[in-house]
Protein backbone atom coordinates (compact mmCIF):
# COMPACT_ATOMS: atom_id res chain seq x y z
CA UNK A 1 0.47 0.28 -0.17
CA UNK A 2 1.76 3.46 -1.00
CA UNK A 3 0.31 6.40 -0.52
CA UNK A 4 -0.09 8.55 -3.42
CA UNK A 5 1.16 11.49 -2.03
CA UNK A 6 4.21 9.35 -1.85
CA UNK A 7 7.11 9.45 -4.75
CA UNK A 8 8.79 6.12 -5.78
CA UNK A 9 11.60 7.10 -8.03
CA UNK A 10 10.90 4.83 -11.74
CA UNK A 11 14.86 2.84 -10.69
CA UNK A 12 13.31 2.00 -7.56
CA UNK A 13 11.60 -1.37 -6.92
CA UNK A 14 9.35 -1.77 -4.11
CA UNK A 15 7.92 -5.31 -3.12
CA UNK A 16 4.30 -6.41 -2.71
CA UNK A 17 3.62 -6.18 1.23
CA UNK A 18 4.76 -2.52 2.00
CA UNK A 19 3.31 0.20 3.56
CA UNK A 20 4.68 3.23 2.30
CA UNK A 21 3.75 6.64 3.98
CA UNK A 22 2.32 10.45 2.81
CA UNK A 23 4.86 12.52 1.41
CA UNK A 24 7.58 9.44 1.82
CA UNK A 25 10.25 9.48 -0.87
CA UNK A 26 12.49 6.79 -2.56
CA UNK A 27 15.15 7.91 -4.86
CA UNK A 28 17.01 6.02 -7.15
CA UNK A 29 17.55 2.40 -6.75
CA UNK A 30 16.29 1.65 -3.85
CA UNK A 31 15.00 -1.68 -3.00
CA UNK A 32 12.46 -1.82 -0.38
CA UNK A 33 11.38 -5.85 0.30
CA UNK A 34 8.13 -7.23 1.70
CA UNK A 35 6.76 -7.00 4.94
CA UNK A 36 8.16 -3.44 5.72
CA UNK A 37 6.80 -0.41 6.88
CA UNK A 38 7.60 3.13 6.24
CA UNK A 39 6.11 6.21 7.70
CA UNK A 40 4.73 9.56 6.62
CA UNK A 41 7.73 12.09 5.48
CA UNK A 42 10.89 9.77 5.47
CA UNK A 43 13.12 10.15 2.93
CA UNK A 44 15.35 6.98 1.34
CA UNK A 45 18.67 8.52 -0.81
CA UNK A 46 19.93 6.43 -3.52
CA UNK A 47 20.96 2.53 -3.44
CA UNK A 48 19.32 2.29 -0.09
CA UNK A 49 18.33 -1.72 0.74
CA UNK A 50 14.93 -2.02 3.44
CA UNK A 51 13.70 -5.09 4.46
CA UNK A 52 12.09 -7.67 5.02
CA UNK A 53 9.77 -6.87 7.61
CA UNK A 54 11.82 -3.83 9.20
CA UNK A 55 9.69 0.14 10.58
CA UNK A 56 10.83 3.25 9.75
CA UNK A 57 9.33 5.57 11.61
CA UNK A 58 7.60 9.27 10.55
CA UNK A 59 10.30 11.82 9.56
CA UNK A 60 13.28 9.72 9.35
CA UNK A 61 15.67 10.10 6.56
CA UNK A 62 18.65 7.31 5.34
CA UNK A 63 20.92 8.41 2.86
CA UNK A 64 23.05 6.77 0.25
CA UNK A 65 23.93 3.40 0.59
CA UNK A 66 22.47 1.70 3.43
CA UNK A 67 21.44 -1.28 4.08
CA UNK A 68 18.39 -1.50 6.95
CA UNK A 69 18.30 -5.79 7.07
CA UNK A 70 15.48 -7.65 9.18
CA UNK A 71 15.12 -6.79 12.70
CA UNK A 72 16.10 -3.14 12.47
CA UNK A 73 13.38 -0.62 13.99
CA UNK A 74 13.65 3.70 13.68
CA UNK A 75 11.60 5.33 15.40
CA UNK A 76 10.55 8.89 14.18
CA UNK A 77 12.92 11.18 12.79
CA UNK A 78 16.03 9.25 13.05
CA UNK A 79 18.86 10.28 10.60
CA UNK A 80 20.81 7.87 8.99
CA UNK A 81 24.30 9.02 7.56
CA UNK A 82 26.12 8.32 3.60
CA UNK A 83 26.50 4.02 3.97
CA UNK A 84 26.51 3.39 7.82
CA UNK A 85 26.13 0.11 8.49
CA UNK A 86 23.69 -1.70 10.75
CA UNK A 87 24.81 -5.89 10.46
CA UNK A 88 22.41 -8.47 10.94
CA UNK A 89 24.43 -11.40 12.15
CA UNK A 90 26.89 -11.55 15.19
CA UNK A 91 29.53 -14.02 13.54
CA UNK A 92 28.91 -14.29 9.83
CA UNK A 93 30.29 -17.12 7.87
CA UNK A 94 29.82 -17.39 3.87
CA UNK A 95 29.74 -21.00 4.28
CA UNK A 96 27.22 -21.19 7.26
CA UNK A 97 22.88 -20.18 7.02
CA UNK A 98 21.85 -17.97 9.80
CA UNK A 99 19.48 -16.42 8.95
CA UNK A 100 17.65 -17.47 11.68
CA UNK A 101 20.39 -15.77 13.71
CA UNK A 102 19.54 -12.11 13.04
CA UNK A 103 19.84 -9.65 16.11
CA UNK A 104 17.54 -7.31 16.89
CA UNK A 105 18.52 -2.90 16.40
CA UNK A 106 16.15 -0.77 17.91
CA UNK A 107 17.26 2.98 16.91
CA UNK A 108 15.19 5.86 19.32
CA UNK A 109 13.16 8.48 18.52
CA UNK A 110 15.29 11.22 17.31
CA UNK A 111 18.55 9.54 17.09
CA UNK A 112 21.58 10.79 14.49
CA UNK A 113 24.18 7.87 13.10
CA UNK A 114 26.89 9.13 11.81
CA UNK A 115 28.62 8.80 7.85
CA UNK A 116 30.70 5.61 7.52
CA UNK A 117 29.44 4.19 11.31
CA UNK A 118 29.06 0.50 12.05
CA UNK A 119 25.94 -1.00 14.55
CA UNK A 120 26.36 -4.37 15.63
CA UNK A 121 22.91 -5.97 16.14
CA UNK A 122 20.89 -6.32 19.82
CA UNK A 123 22.01 -3.45 21.03
CA UNK A 124 19.18 -0.28 21.55
CA UNK A 125 20.71 3.39 20.29
CA UNK A 126 18.55 5.78 22.63
CA UNK A 127 16.40 8.58 21.72
CA UNK A 128 18.38 12.00 20.63
CA UNK A 129 22.03 10.14 20.96
CA UNK A 130 24.66 11.22 18.78
CA UNK A 131 26.71 8.51 16.76
CA UNK A 132 29.69 9.91 15.81
CA UNK A 133 31.26 8.98 11.89
CA UNK A 134 33.32 6.23 11.96
CA UNK A 135 32.05 4.70 14.74
CA UNK A 136 31.92 1.62 16.09
CA UNK A 137 28.67 0.66 18.20
CA UNK A 138 29.27 -2.43 20.15
CA UNK A 139 26.71 -1.68 23.38
CA UNK A 140 23.76 -0.02 24.33
CA UNK A 141 23.57 3.74 23.57
CA UNK A 142 22.07 5.71 26.50
CA UNK A 143 19.73 8.27 25.73
CA UNK A 144 21.29 11.61 24.43
CA UNK A 145 24.42 10.42 23.96
CA UNK A 146 27.33 10.94 22.63
CA UNK A 147 29.38 7.91 21.52
CA UNK A 148 32.83 8.58 19.57
CA UNK A 149 35.32 5.48 18.50
CA UNK A 150 36.71 2.09 17.68
CA UNK A 151 34.39 0.58 20.16
CA UNK A 152 32.05 3.45 20.29
CA UNK A 153 32.19 4.92 23.74
CA UNK A 154 30.13 7.77 25.52
CA UNK A 155 32.18 11.39 25.40
CA UNK A 156 29.13 14.00 26.23
CA UNK A 157 25.72 14.51 25.74
CA UNK A 158 23.53 16.09 23.00
CA UNK A 159 20.66 17.66 22.88
CA UNK A 160 16.95 17.42 21.17
CA UNK A 161 18.44 19.76 18.83
CA UNK A 162 21.84 17.91 18.55
CA UNK A 163 24.06 20.32 20.24
CA UNK A 164 27.26 19.13 22.11
CA UNK A 165 26.00 19.83 26.64
CA UNK A 166 28.28 22.11 28.65
CA UNK A 167 28.80 21.22 32.22
CA UNK A 168 25.48 23.32 33.34
CA UNK A 169 23.27 20.26 31.09
CA UNK A 170 21.84 23.22 29.44
CA UNK A 171 21.09 23.58 25.40
CA UNK A 172 22.73 26.52 24.03
CA UNK A 173 20.24 26.66 21.18
CA UNK A 174 16.97 25.81 22.85
CA UNK A 175 18.29 26.56 26.32
CA UNK A 176 16.47 23.43 27.65
CA UNK A 177 18.04 21.83 30.94
CA UNK A 178 18.22 18.76 31.59
CA UNK A 179 19.21 16.53 34.48
CA UNK A 180 21.87 13.19 34.89
CA UNK A 181 20.99 10.49 37.44
CA UNK A 182 22.74 7.36 37.47
CA UNK A 183 24.74 7.92 33.88
CA UNK A 184 21.56 8.88 32.42
CA UNK A 185 20.23 11.90 31.04
CA UNK A 186 16.64 13.08 30.92
CA UNK A 187 14.56 16.47 30.07
CA UNK A 188 14.31 18.34 33.07
CA UNK A 189 10.41 18.67 33.11
CA UNK A 190 9.00 22.47 33.45
């Protein structure tokens, strides 16, 4: 089911059993496999592969050359940078079939994954976290965490708008206040 206001480029291939929401744009050479659900106002850049059975929330932007394998869930407003990688098994071998071992990867609302970053399957990326370009995620990433390196380690916190937070935990762009408790961060309630 493709919403009439969605755009699918003529070079893209969309399998049967796919849902595509209003205002979504699917660009050149994209392949969307069956059972995949794509929300409203999503952009899938050139050469993206999604599915089977992937969930992409409203407002997500998936840049060129990204493969979203079975088990990947993107909540709304997730940004996937060019050529970032989602693995699907922990110990792949060409000569051993491991499709029954696909790990699930959940990416929380508003998260950003930088270009050429790798997310090893079976981990959760928290809401509004930011994974630096080239980082390799090998464990769960907390909400609002800024992670860098190989393997990725938290070096600070970011706000909902993606600005790095100083020691005062106040967003320099929006003035929002955050509270750190037991290694986690949350937006202060007004």
